[in-house]
C-alpha cells in the first residue's frame, strides 16, 4: 500500500479550504481498503473517510484520510416496475441522479446538483425538497472498522434527518437502491429544482453547502438571516448573499476563519432565539468527533 504523507486537503473539498493530513490514500478495492485500515490500526491513527468533500472543512489532521474516489462502479437492473441501482461508494451521486432523470424515476432527481459521492450521500442521509436518499435505499455493503465486510438491509439500519449509522459502524462500500418509475413526467419538476438552486444557492462559488441543520419547525437560513448573518464575512469566509446558511470561500479563506464565523453565527442565533444550531457541515481536525480510531476508541 502506498499512502501519501503531508497532503494539503484544500483541493479535495468543495469549499477549497483545508489543512494538512499526515497520511492520505485512495484505495481502489476492498483489499486495499483493508490494508489501509490495518495500517491505521498499527500506527494508532485516526481515520476519516472522504468522498468529494461537499460537506467537509478540514483543519490539520494528524491521521489518515481515506478517499473513496477510486471506488467506482454502477450496475442497473429491473424488478417489475422498479429499477435496482447498485452504486459503489465513490461513484458520483450525479450518475444515479442522471439515470433517474433518463428513466423517469421517483424522487432521486431531487438531489440534482449535489456534488457528492454515493457513499457520502448515504452516510449523511442527504436530502432536499422533502426527500432523503435513505427512502429508496435497499441494502448497504459496508467495510467495518476491523476490516470485515457486511451486508445490511434497510431494516437493519437507522436513518434520521442528516444522520445514519455511518461511519460509526464502518464505511459504505456500495449501496443498492430500489426506485419505482414515476407515474408522471418528472422533467419539469427537475428543471424547477435546478432553477431554484441557481437562484437561491451559490452553486458557482466554492461552498460547503448547508452549514447548519434545520432546527425542528424552523429553517437555519431564516434564523441566520434574521440575526444579520446573510453576507456577513470573516476574512475571506462568508455566509452567501444568496442563502444565509451557505458558507462560501471568497478566495483565500482559512480554517480559523471558518471556526470564527460559525461560532459567531451560533452565538447570535442562541442569544436572539434560544436555539442551538447544529452543524451539518463536518468540521474535521485532529481530535474532532469525525475522526475515528480503527480500534473503535
Protein backbone atom coordinates (compact mmCIF):
# COMPACT_ATOMS: atom_id res chain seq x y z
CA UNK A 1 0.00 0.00 0.00
CA UNK A 2 1.39 3.41 -0.98
CA UNK A 3 -0.06 6.24 1.02
CA UNK A 4 0.99 9.87 0.59
CA UNK A 5 2.30 11.90 3.50
CA UNK A 6 1.59 15.54 4.39
CA UNK A 7 -1.17 16.19 1.85
CA UNK A 8 -2.86 19.58 1.55
CA UNK A 9 -6.59 18.85 1.69
CA UNK A 10 -7.95 22.14 0.35
CA UNK A 11 -8.30 20.89 -3.23
CA UNK A 12 -10.23 17.83 -2.00
CA UNK A 13 -13.19 19.79 -0.63
CA UNK A 14 -15.76 21.84 -2.49
CA UNK A 15 -15.15 24.93 -0.35
CA UNK A 16 -11.40 24.73 -1.13
CA UNK A 17 -10.31 25.15 2.49
CA UNK A 18 -8.15 22.57 4.21
CA UNK A 19 -5.15 21.87 6.36
CA UNK A 20 -2.59 19.10 6.12
CA UNK A 21 -3.31 15.38 6.50
CA UNK A 22 -0.48 13.28 7.89
CA UNK A 23 -1.46 10.40 5.57
CA UNK A 24 -3.73 10.18 2.53
CA UNK A 25 -4.75 7.16 0.45
CA UNK A 26 -7.18 6.32 -2.36
CA UNK A 27 -7.98 2.58 -2.29
CA UNK A 28 -9.39 1.02 -5.45
CA UNK A 29 -10.92 -2.11 -3.95
CA UNK A 30 -11.78 -3.92 -0.73
CA UNK A 31 -8.31 -5.39 -0.25
CA UNK A 32 -6.60 -2.00 -0.48
CA UNK A 33 -9.16 -0.55 1.90
CA UNK A 34 -8.47 -3.35 4.40
CA UNK A 35 -4.74 -2.70 4.13
CA UNK A 36 -5.36 1.00 4.86
CA UNK A 37 -7.41 0.20 7.96
CA UNK A 38 -4.76 -2.21 9.23
CA UNK A 39 -2.08 0.43 8.63
CA UNK A 40 -4.11 2.96 10.63
CA UNK A 41 -4.61 0.49 13.46
CA UNK A 42 -0.93 -0.47 13.58
CA UNK A 43 0.07 3.20 13.71
CA UNK A 44 -2.68 4.30 16.12
CA UNK A 45 -4.07 6.81 13.60
CA UNK A 46 -7.43 8.47 13.47
CA UNK A 47 -9.25 7.79 10.18
CA UNK A 48 -11.58 9.98 8.17
CA UNK A 49 -13.43 8.65 5.11
CA UNK A 50 -13.71 11.29 2.38
CA UNK A 51 -15.92 11.37 -0.70
CA UNK A 52 -15.98 14.56 -2.75
CA UNK A 53 -15.71 16.75 0.35
CA UNK A 54 -19.00 18.51 -0.32
CA UNK A 55 -19.89 18.91 3.36
CA UNK A 56 -16.40 18.86 4.88
CA UNK A 57 -13.95 21.52 6.03
CA UNK A 58 -10.52 20.40 7.21
CA UNK A 59 -8.04 21.80 9.63
CA UNK A 60 -4.78 19.96 10.18
CA UNK A 61 -5.48 16.24 10.61
CA UNK A 62 -2.77 14.20 12.28
CA UNK A 63 -4.29 10.99 10.99
CA UNK A 64 -5.25 9.07 7.87
CA UNK A 65 -7.68 10.45 5.28
CA UNK A 66 -9.03 7.61 3.13
CA UNK A 67 -10.66 8.82 -0.08
CA UNK A 68 -13.30 6.72 -1.84
CA UNK A 69 -12.98 8.48 -5.20
CA UNK A 70 -11.41 5.49 -6.97
CA UNK A 71 -14.04 3.01 -5.72
CA UNK A 72 -16.26 3.38 -8.76
CA UNK A 73 -18.92 1.31 -10.47
CA UNK A 74 -22.62 1.29 -11.35
CA UNK A 75 -24.93 -1.61 -12.17
CA UNK A 76 -28.62 -1.35 -13.11
CA UNK A 77 -31.34 -3.98 -13.42
CA UNK A 78 -35.14 -4.15 -13.38
CA UNK A 79 -37.51 -5.62 -10.81
CA UNK A 80 -41.03 -5.23 -12.14
CA UNK A 81 -41.82 -1.51 -12.23
CA UNK A 82 -38.75 -0.70 -10.14
CA UNK A 83 -35.14 -0.08 -11.05
CA UNK A 84 -32.43 -1.69 -8.92
CA UNK A 85 -29.38 0.56 -8.86
CA UNK A 86 -26.17 -0.71 -7.28
CA UNK A 87 -23.55 2.01 -6.94
CA UNK A 88 -20.09 1.90 -5.43
CA UNK A 89 -19.15 4.39 -2.72
CA UNK A 90 -17.02 6.64 -4.90
CA UNK A 91 -19.50 6.87 -7.77
CA UNK A 92 -20.62 10.48 -8.20
CA UNK A 93 -24.17 10.96 -6.96
CA UNK A 94 -24.84 12.79 -10.23
CA UNK A 95 -24.58 9.47 -12.10
CA UNK A 96 -27.59 7.92 -10.37
CA UNK A 97 -29.45 11.25 -10.47
CA UNK A 98 -28.93 11.41 -14.25
CA UNK A 99 -30.13 7.82 -14.54
CA UNK A 100 -33.25 8.69 -12.57
CA UNK A 101 -34.00 11.58 -14.92
CA UNK A 102 -33.38 9.48 -18.01
CA UNK A 103 -35.65 6.66 -16.80
CA UNK A 104 -38.24 8.95 -15.18
CA UNK A 105 -37.75 7.56 -11.67
CA UNK A 106 -39.29 8.85 -8.47
CA UNK A 107 -37.60 11.35 -6.13
CA UNK A 108 -33.89 10.75 -6.79
CA UNK A 109 -33.91 13.68 -9.23
CA UNK A 110 -34.49 15.98 -6.22
CA UNK A 111 -30.81 15.52 -5.36
CA UNK A 112 -29.75 17.11 -8.65
CA UNK A 113 -26.79 19.41 -8.17
CA UNK A 114 -25.38 17.70 -5.08
CA UNK A 115 -21.58 17.48 -5.56
CA UNK A 116 -21.34 14.27 -3.53
CA UNK A 117 -20.40 10.63 -3.91
CA UNK A 118 -22.96 7.90 -3.34
CA UNK A 119 -21.17 6.75 -0.19
CA UNK A 120 -21.04 10.26 1.22
CA UNK A 121 -24.69 10.89 0.40
CA UNK A 122 -25.76 7.70 2.20
CA UNK A 123 -23.51 8.45 5.19
CA UNK A 124 -25.09 11.87 5.70
CA UNK A 125 -28.58 10.78 4.57
CA UNK A 126 -28.53 13.58 2.01
CA UNK A 127 -31.84 15.18 1.26
CA UNK A 128 -33.64 18.08 -0.37
CA UNK A 129 -37.16 19.18 -1.26
CA UNK A 130 -38.74 16.75 1.20
CA UNK A 131 -36.72 13.74 0.02
CA UNK A 132 -33.94 11.78 1.74
CA UNK A 133 -31.73 9.27 -0.06
CA UNK A 134 -32.48 6.59 2.54
CA UNK A 135 -36.10 6.44 1.34
CA UNK A 136 -35.22 4.17 -1.58
CA UNK A 137 -32.15 2.58 -0.05
CA UNK A 138 -32.47 -1.20 -0.07
CA UNK A 139 -29.10 -2.54 1.06
CA UNK A 140 -25.61 -1.42 2.00
CA UNK A 141 -22.35 -3.31 1.78
CA UNK A 142 -20.00 -1.90 4.39
CA UNK A 143 -16.44 -2.44 5.48
CA UNK A 144 -16.30 -2.41 9.29
CA UNK A 145 -13.54 -0.84 11.33
CA UNK A 146 -11.96 -4.26 11.80
CA UNK A 147 -11.87 -4.80 8.02
CA UNK A 148 -14.80 -7.22 7.78
CA UNK A 149 -17.40 -6.99 5.01
CA UNK A 150 -21.10 -6.98 5.89
CA UNK A 151 -24.35 -6.55 4.03
CA UNK A 152 -27.16 -4.79 5.85
CA UNK A 153 -30.73 -4.35 4.69
CA UNK A 154 -32.55 -1.06 5.17
CA UNK A 155 -34.49 -2.52 8.11
CA UNK A 156 -31.20 -3.24 9.93
CA UNK A 157 -30.09 0.40 9.79
CA UNK A 158 -31.40 3.53 11.45
CA UNK A 159 -31.58 6.74 9.44
CA UNK A 160 -32.88 10.13 10.53
CA UNK A 161 -32.55 13.74 9.45
CA UNK A 162 -28.97 14.11 8.11
CA UNK A 163 -27.95 11.10 10.17
CA UNK A 164 -27.01 7.47 9.53
CA UNK A 165 -25.10 4.67 11.26
CA UNK A 166 -22.04 5.55 9.16
CA UNK A 167 -19.15 5.93 9.80
CA UNK A 168 -19.85 4.72 13.36
CA UNK A 169 -20.17 1.11 12.16
CA UNK A 170 -17.81 1.41 9.20
CA UNK A 171 -17.56 2.74 5.65
CA UNK A 172 -20.21 2.45 2.97
CA UNK A 173 -18.60 0.40 0.23
CA UNK A 174 -21.64 0.11 -2.04
CA UNK A 175 -25.36 0.75 -1.88
CA UNK A 176 -28.42 -0.68 -3.61
CA UNK A 177 -31.46 1.47 -4.31
CA UNK A 178 -34.86 0.23 -5.42
CA UNK A 179 -36.61 3.10 -7.16
CA UNK A 180 -40.03 2.97 -8.85
CA UNK A 181 -40.79 4.50 -12.21
CA UNK A 182 -42.82 7.67 -11.72
CA UNK A 183 -46.41 7.80 -12.92
CA UNK A 184 -45.86 11.36 -14.21
CA UNK A 185 -43.15 13.09 -16.21
CA UNK A 186 -40.60 14.35 -13.68
CA UNK A 187 -38.57 16.54 -16.06
CA UNK A 188 -40.47 19.78 -15.41
CA UNK A 189 -40.07 19.42 -11.65
CA UNK A 190 -36.40 18.62 -12.17
CA UNK A 191 -35.98 21.85 -14.15
CA UNK A 192 -37.71 23.82 -11.38
CA UNK A 193 -35.34 22.36 -8.81
CA UNK A 194 -32.28 23.31 -10.87
CA UNK A 195 -33.62 26.83 -11.37
CA UNK A 196 -34.28 27.16 -7.63
CA UNK A 197 -30.72 26.11 -6.86
CA UNK A 198 -29.30 28.63 -9.35
CA UNK A 199 -31.44 31.46 -7.95
CA UNK A 200 -31.06 30.76 -4.23
CA UNK A 201 -27.76 28.94 -3.74
CA UNK A 202 -24.15 29.96 -4.54
CA UNK A 203 -23.54 26.94 -6.76
CA UNK A 204 -20.85 28.74 -8.79
CA UNK A 205 -18.70 29.53 -5.76
CA UNK A 206 -16.56 27.34 -3.50
CA UNK A 207 -19.05 26.31 -0.83
CA UNK A 208 -19.67 23.51 1.65
CA UNK A 209 -23.44 23.56 1.10
CA UNK A 210 -25.71 23.87 4.12
CA UNK A 211 -23.69 24.85 7.17
CA UNK A 212 -26.29 24.05 9.83
CA UNK A 213 -29.10 21.55 10.11
CA UNK A 214 -32.61 22.97 10.18
CA UNK A 215 -33.91 23.07 13.77
CA UNK A 216 -37.24 21.34 14.34
CA UNK A 217 -40.03 23.53 12.98
CA UNK A 218 -37.69 26.18 11.62
CA UNK A 219 -35.05 26.91 8.99
CA UNK A 220 -31.41 27.65 9.77
CA UNK A 221 -31.16 30.07 6.84
CA UNK A 222 -34.13 32.10 8.09
CA UNK A 223 -32.69 32.33 11.61
CA UNK A 224 -29.27 33.33 10.31
CA UNK A 225 -30.73 35.99 8.05
CA UNK A 226 -32.75 37.46 10.93
CA UNK A 227 -29.60 37.90 13.03
CA UNK A 228 -27.72 39.60 10.21
CA UNK A 229 -25.50 36.78 9.01
CA UNK A 230 -26.51 36.88 5.35
CA UNK A 231 -23.48 38.28 3.53
CA UNK A 232 -21.52 38.51 6.79
CA UNK A 233 -17.83 37.74 6.38
CA UNK A 234 -14.78 36.98 8.45
CA UNK A 235 -11.71 37.45 6.28
CA UNK A 236 -12.40 35.52 3.08
CA UNK A 237 -15.09 33.26 4.56
CA UNK A 238 -18.68 34.48 4.38
CA UNK A 239 -22.29 33.46 4.53
CA UNK A 240 -23.62 33.81 1.00
CA UNK A 241 -25.62 36.81 -0.17
CA UNK A 242 -27.99 34.33 -1.81
CA UNK A 243 -28.56 31.97 1.10
CA UNK A 244 -27.62 32.72 4.70
CA UNK A 245 -26.95 29.05 5.52
CA UNK A 246 -24.29 28.57 2.83
CA UNK A 247 -20.68 29.29 3.71
CA UNK A 248 -18.54 30.40 0.78
CA UNK A 249 -14.83 30.90 0.23
CA UNK A 250 -14.24 34.32 -1.31
CA UNK A 251 -10.70 33.49 -2.33
CA UNK A 252 -8.27 32.74 0.45
CA UNK A 253 -10.47 31.52 3.28
CA UNK A 254 -8.82 29.74 6.21
CA UNK A 255 -9.88 27.12 8.72
CA UNK A 256 -9.56 29.58 11.60
CA UNK A 257 -11.91 31.99 9.80
CA UNK A 258 -14.41 29.14 9.36
CA UNK A 259 -14.35 28.39 13.09
CA UNK A 260 -14.76 32.06 13.97
CA UNK A 261 -17.72 32.73 11.68
CA UNK A 262 -19.52 29.52 12.68
CA UNK A 263 -19.16 30.21 16.39
CA UNK A 264 -20.31 33.80 15.86
CA UNK A 265 -23.40 32.65 13.96
CA UNK A 266 -24.31 30.08 16.62
CA UNK A 267 -23.89 32.67 19.36
CA UNK A 268 -26.10 35.24 17.64
CA UNK A 269 -28.90 32.74 16.97
CA UNK A 270 -28.82 31.45 20.53
CA UNK A 271 -28.83 34.94 22.04
CA UNK A 272 -31.75 36.03 19.84
CA UNK A 273 -33.91 32.89 19.73
CA UNK A 274 -32.57 30.50 22.37
CA UNK A 275 -31.92 27.92 19.62
CA UNK A 276 -28.66 25.98 19.45
CA UNK A 277 -27.75 25.41 15.82
CA UNK A 278 -26.10 22.09 15.00
CA UNK A 279 -23.55 21.89 12.21
CA UNK A 280 -24.45 19.90 9.12
CA UNK A 281 -21.01 20.51 7.64
CA UNK A 282 -18.30 18.32 9.12
CA UNK A 283 -15.52 20.29 10.77
CA UNK A 284 -12.56 17.94 10.80
CA UNK A 285 -9.29 18.35 12.67
CA UNK A 286 -7.20 16.13 14.88
CA UNK A 287 -9.19 15.03 17.92
CA UNK A 288 -12.53 16.01 16.38
CA UNK A 289 -15.66 13.86 16.59
CA UNK A 290 -15.38 12.87 12.94
CA UNK A 291 -12.01 11.16 13.13
CA UNK A 292 -12.34 7.53 14.24
CA UNK A 293 -9.73 5.22 15.66
CA UNK A 294 -9.81 1.86 13.89
CA UNK A 295 -9.77 0.08 17.24
CA UNK A 296 -13.16 1.70 17.92
CA UNK A 297 -11.99 4.03 20.66
